[in-house]
Amino acid sequence: MVSGLYELFSSNQMVGDSLAGLAAAVEPGGYLVYTGQPWHPQLELIARALTSHRESQAWVMRRRSQSEMDQLVEAAGFRKITQRVDEWGIFTVSLAQRIQ
């Protein structure tokens, strides 16, 4: 399960490396649950509140479209099976299976 982590990484290379590590750990047929946050109505507020680890500079999370995130998951060796989205389209939960 990967939740709320990849918004911290600005680089798709870092996300891809993490997903590759998960793919190496998950046997074929195993599952990956991952979340997404394609947008957020309070993004500016969150950025200004989370400055402690950025030397008082605003932190803006790296939002990825669902398609972008799904492509990264697929490139790591998983096949997306299903997805759920909240009624506002802010949060997604997806299930993917490790392919051989």
C-alpha atoms as a PDB file:
ATOM      1  CA  MET A   1       0.000   0.000   0.000  1.00  0.00           C
ATOM      2  CA  VAL A   2       1.387   3.361  -1.036  1.00  0.00           C
ATOM      3  CA  SER A   3      -0.651   6.305   0.218  1.00  0.00           C
ATOM      4  CA  GLY A   4       0.246   9.979   0.213  1.00  0.00           C
ATOM      5  CA  LEU A   5       3.903   9.324  -0.500  1.00  0.00           C
ATOM      6  CA  TYR A   6       4.412  10.125  -4.146  1.00  0.00           C
ATOM      7  CA  GLU A   7       3.059  13.660  -3.834  1.00  0.00           C
ATOM      8  CA  LEU A   8       6.271  14.358  -1.902  1.00  0.00           C
ATOM      9  CA  PHE A   9       8.476  13.500  -4.896  1.00  0.00           C
ATOM     10  CA  SER A  10       8.745  16.119  -7.620  1.00  0.00           C
ATOM     11  CA  SER A  11      10.619  13.730  -9.907  1.00  0.00           C
ATOM     12  CA  ASN A  12       8.925  10.914 -11.803  1.00  0.00           C
ATOM     13  CA  GLN A  13      12.298   9.148 -11.779  1.00  0.00           C
ATOM     14  CA  MET A  14      12.134   8.926  -7.980  1.00  0.00           C
ATOM     15  CA  VAL A  15       8.566   7.600  -8.119  1.00  0.00           C
ATOM     16  CA  GLY A  16       9.565   5.099 -10.800  1.00  0.00           C
ATOM     17  CA  ASP A  17      12.521   3.913  -8.728  1.00  0.00           C
ATOM     18  CA  SER A  18      10.259   3.414  -5.718  1.00  0.00           C
ATOM     19  CA  LEU A  19       7.692   1.505  -7.771  1.00  0.00           C
ATOM     20  CA  ALA A  20      10.458  -0.648  -9.279  1.00  0.00           C
ATOM     21  CA  GLY A  21      11.547  -1.537  -5.749  1.00  0.00           C
ATOM     22  CA  LEU A  22       7.991  -2.506  -4.878  1.00  0.00           C
ATOM     23  CA  ALA A  23       7.725  -4.574  -8.054  1.00  0.00           C
ATOM     24  CA  ALA A  24      10.884  -6.444  -7.067  1.00  0.00           C
ATOM     25  CA  ALA A  25       9.369  -7.209  -3.659  1.00  0.00           C
ATOM     26  CA  VAL A  26       5.892  -8.219  -4.871  1.00  0.00           C
ATOM     27  CA  GLU A  27       5.617 -11.653  -6.450  1.00  0.00           C
ATOM     28  CA  PRO A  28       3.790 -11.993  -9.785  1.00  0.00           C
ATOM     29  CA  GLY A  29       0.085 -12.117  -9.043  1.00  0.00           C
ATOM     30  CA  GLY A  30       0.530  -9.984  -5.916  1.00  0.00           C
ATOM     31  CA  TYR A  31      -1.218  -6.663  -5.472  1.00  0.00           C
ATOM     32  CA  LEU A  32      -0.379  -2.998  -5.065  1.00  0.00           C
ATOM     33  CA  VAL A  33      -2.860  -0.495  -3.650  1.00  0.00           C
ATOM     34  CA  TYR A  34      -1.942   3.111  -4.398  1.00  0.00           C
ATOM     35  CA  THR A  35      -3.615   6.434  -3.849  1.00  0.00           C
ATOM     36  CA  GLY A  36      -3.627   9.612  -5.844  1.00  0.00           C
ATOM     37  CA  GLN A  37      -4.554  13.204  -5.259  1.00  0.00           C
ATOM     38  CA  PRO A  38      -4.901  14.806  -8.705  1.00  0.00           C
ATOM     39  CA  TRP A  39      -6.026  18.125  -7.212  1.00  0.00           C
ATOM     40  CA  HIS A  40      -6.886  19.688  -3.879  1.00  0.00           C
ATOM     41  CA  PRO A  41      -8.964  22.807  -3.173  1.00  0.00           C
ATOM     42  CA  GLN A  42      -6.674  23.851  -0.296  1.00  0.00           C
ATOM     43  CA  LEU A  43      -3.350  23.339  -2.045  1.00  0.00           C
ATOM     44  CA  GLU A  44      -2.118  26.865  -1.282  1.00  0.00           C
ATOM     45  CA  LEU A  45      -3.013  26.562   2.422  1.00  0.00           C
ATOM     46  CA  ILE A  46      -1.253  23.207   2.674  1.00  0.00           C
ATOM     47  CA  ALA A  47       1.845  24.584   0.941  1.00  0.00           C
ATOM     48  CA  ARG A  48       2.118  27.485   3.375  1.00  0.00           C
ATOM     49  CA  ALA A  49       1.499  25.283   6.438  1.00  0.00           C
ATOM     50  CA  LEU A  50       4.139  22.661   5.593  1.00  0.00           C
ATOM     51  CA  THR A  51       7.305  24.727   5.628  1.00  0.00           C
ATOM     52  CA  SER A  52       9.210  23.144   8.517  1.00  0.00           C
ATOM     53  CA  HIS A  53      11.227  20.805   6.309  1.00  0.00           C
ATOM     54  CA  ARG A  54      11.847  23.402   3.555  1.00  0.00           C
ATOM     55  CA  GLU A  55      13.671  26.143   5.476  1.00  0.00           C
ATOM     56  CA  SER A  56      10.489  28.271   5.669  1.00  0.00           C
ATOM     57  CA  GLN A  57       9.747  27.990   1.947  1.00  0.00           C
ATOM     58  CA  ALA A  58       6.306  26.892   0.830  1.00  0.00           C
ATOM     59  CA  TRP A  59       6.000  23.259  -0.168  1.00  0.00           C
ATOM     60  CA  VAL A  60       3.716  22.516  -3.083  1.00  0.00           C
ATOM     61  CA  MET A  61       2.910  18.867  -3.527  1.00  0.00           C
ATOM     62  CA  ARG A  62       3.566  17.330  -6.926  1.00  0.00           C
ATOM     63  CA  ARG A  63       0.126  16.508  -8.216  1.00  0.00           C
ATOM     64  CA  ARG A  64      -0.004  13.875 -10.927  1.00  0.00           C
ATOM     65  CA  SER A  65      -2.928  13.152 -13.180  1.00  0.00           C
ATOM     66  CA  GLN A  66      -4.407   9.702 -12.703  1.00  0.00           C
ATOM     67  CA  SER A  67      -3.174   8.766 -16.158  1.00  0.00           C
ATOM     68  CA  GLU A  68       0.388   9.818 -15.307  1.00  0.00           C
ATOM     69  CA  MET A  69       0.370   7.791 -12.085  1.00  0.00           C
ATOM     70  CA  ASP A  70      -1.133   4.766 -13.829  1.00  0.00           C
ATOM     71  CA  GLN A  71       1.594   4.909 -16.493  1.00  0.00           C
ATOM     72  CA  LEU A  72       4.295   4.908 -13.811  1.00  0.00           C
ATOM     73  CA  VAL A  73       2.657   1.914 -12.116  1.00  0.00           C
ATOM     74  CA  GLU A  74       2.399   0.066 -15.439  1.00  0.00           C
ATOM     75  CA  ALA A  75       6.035   0.802 -16.324  1.00  0.00           C
ATOM     76  CA  ALA A  76       7.038  -0.824 -13.025  1.00  0.00           C
ATOM     77  CA  GLY A  77       5.326  -4.079 -13.981  1.00  0.00           C
ATOM     78  CA  PHE A  78       1.814  -3.773 -12.586  1.00  0.00           C
ATOM     79  CA  ARG A  79      -1.553  -3.887 -14.368  1.00  0.00           C
ATOM     80  CA  LYS A  80      -4.287  -1.648 -13.005  1.00  0.00           C
ATOM     81  CA  ILE A  81      -7.432  -3.571 -12.142  1.00  0.00           C
ATOM     82  CA  THR A  82      -9.806  -1.023 -10.658  1.00  0.00           C
ATOM     83  CA  GLN A  83     -10.079   2.435  -9.161  1.00  0.00           C
ATOM     84  CA  ARG A  84     -12.333   4.345  -6.793  1.00  0.00           C
ATOM     85  CA  VAL A  85     -12.694   8.133  -6.670  1.00  0.00           C
ATOM     86  CA  ASP A  86     -14.318  10.251  -3.977  1.00  0.00           C
ATOM     87  CA  GLU A  87     -17.333  12.331  -4.972  1.00  0.00           C
ATOM     88  CA  TRP A  88     -15.259  15.514  -5.414  1.00  0.00           C
ATOM     89  CA  GLY A  89     -12.518  13.904  -7.495  1.00  0.00           C
ATOM     90  CA  ILE A  90      -9.823  14.832  -4.991  1.00  0.00           C
ATOM     91  CA  PHE A  91      -8.691  11.386  -3.846  1.00  0.00           C
ATOM     92  CA  THR A  92      -8.307   8.128  -5.761  1.00  0.00           C
ATOM     93  CA  VAL A  93      -7.559   4.595  -4.615  1.00  0.00           C
ATOM     94  CA  SER A  94      -6.371   2.131  -7.244  1.00  0.00           C
ATOM     95  CA  LEU A  95      -5.629  -1.578  -7.228  1.00  0.00           C
ATOM     96  CA  ALA A  96      -2.993  -3.069  -9.519  1.00  0.00           C
ATOM     97  CA  GLN A  97      -1.657  -6.582  -9.902  1.00  0.00           C
ATOM     98  CA  ARG A  98       1.977  -7.536 -10.452  1.00  0.00           C
ATOM     99  CA  ILE A  99       2.394  -9.083 -13.880  1.00  0.00           C
ATOM    100  CA  GLN A 100       5.138 -11.474 -14.935  1.00  0.00           C
END
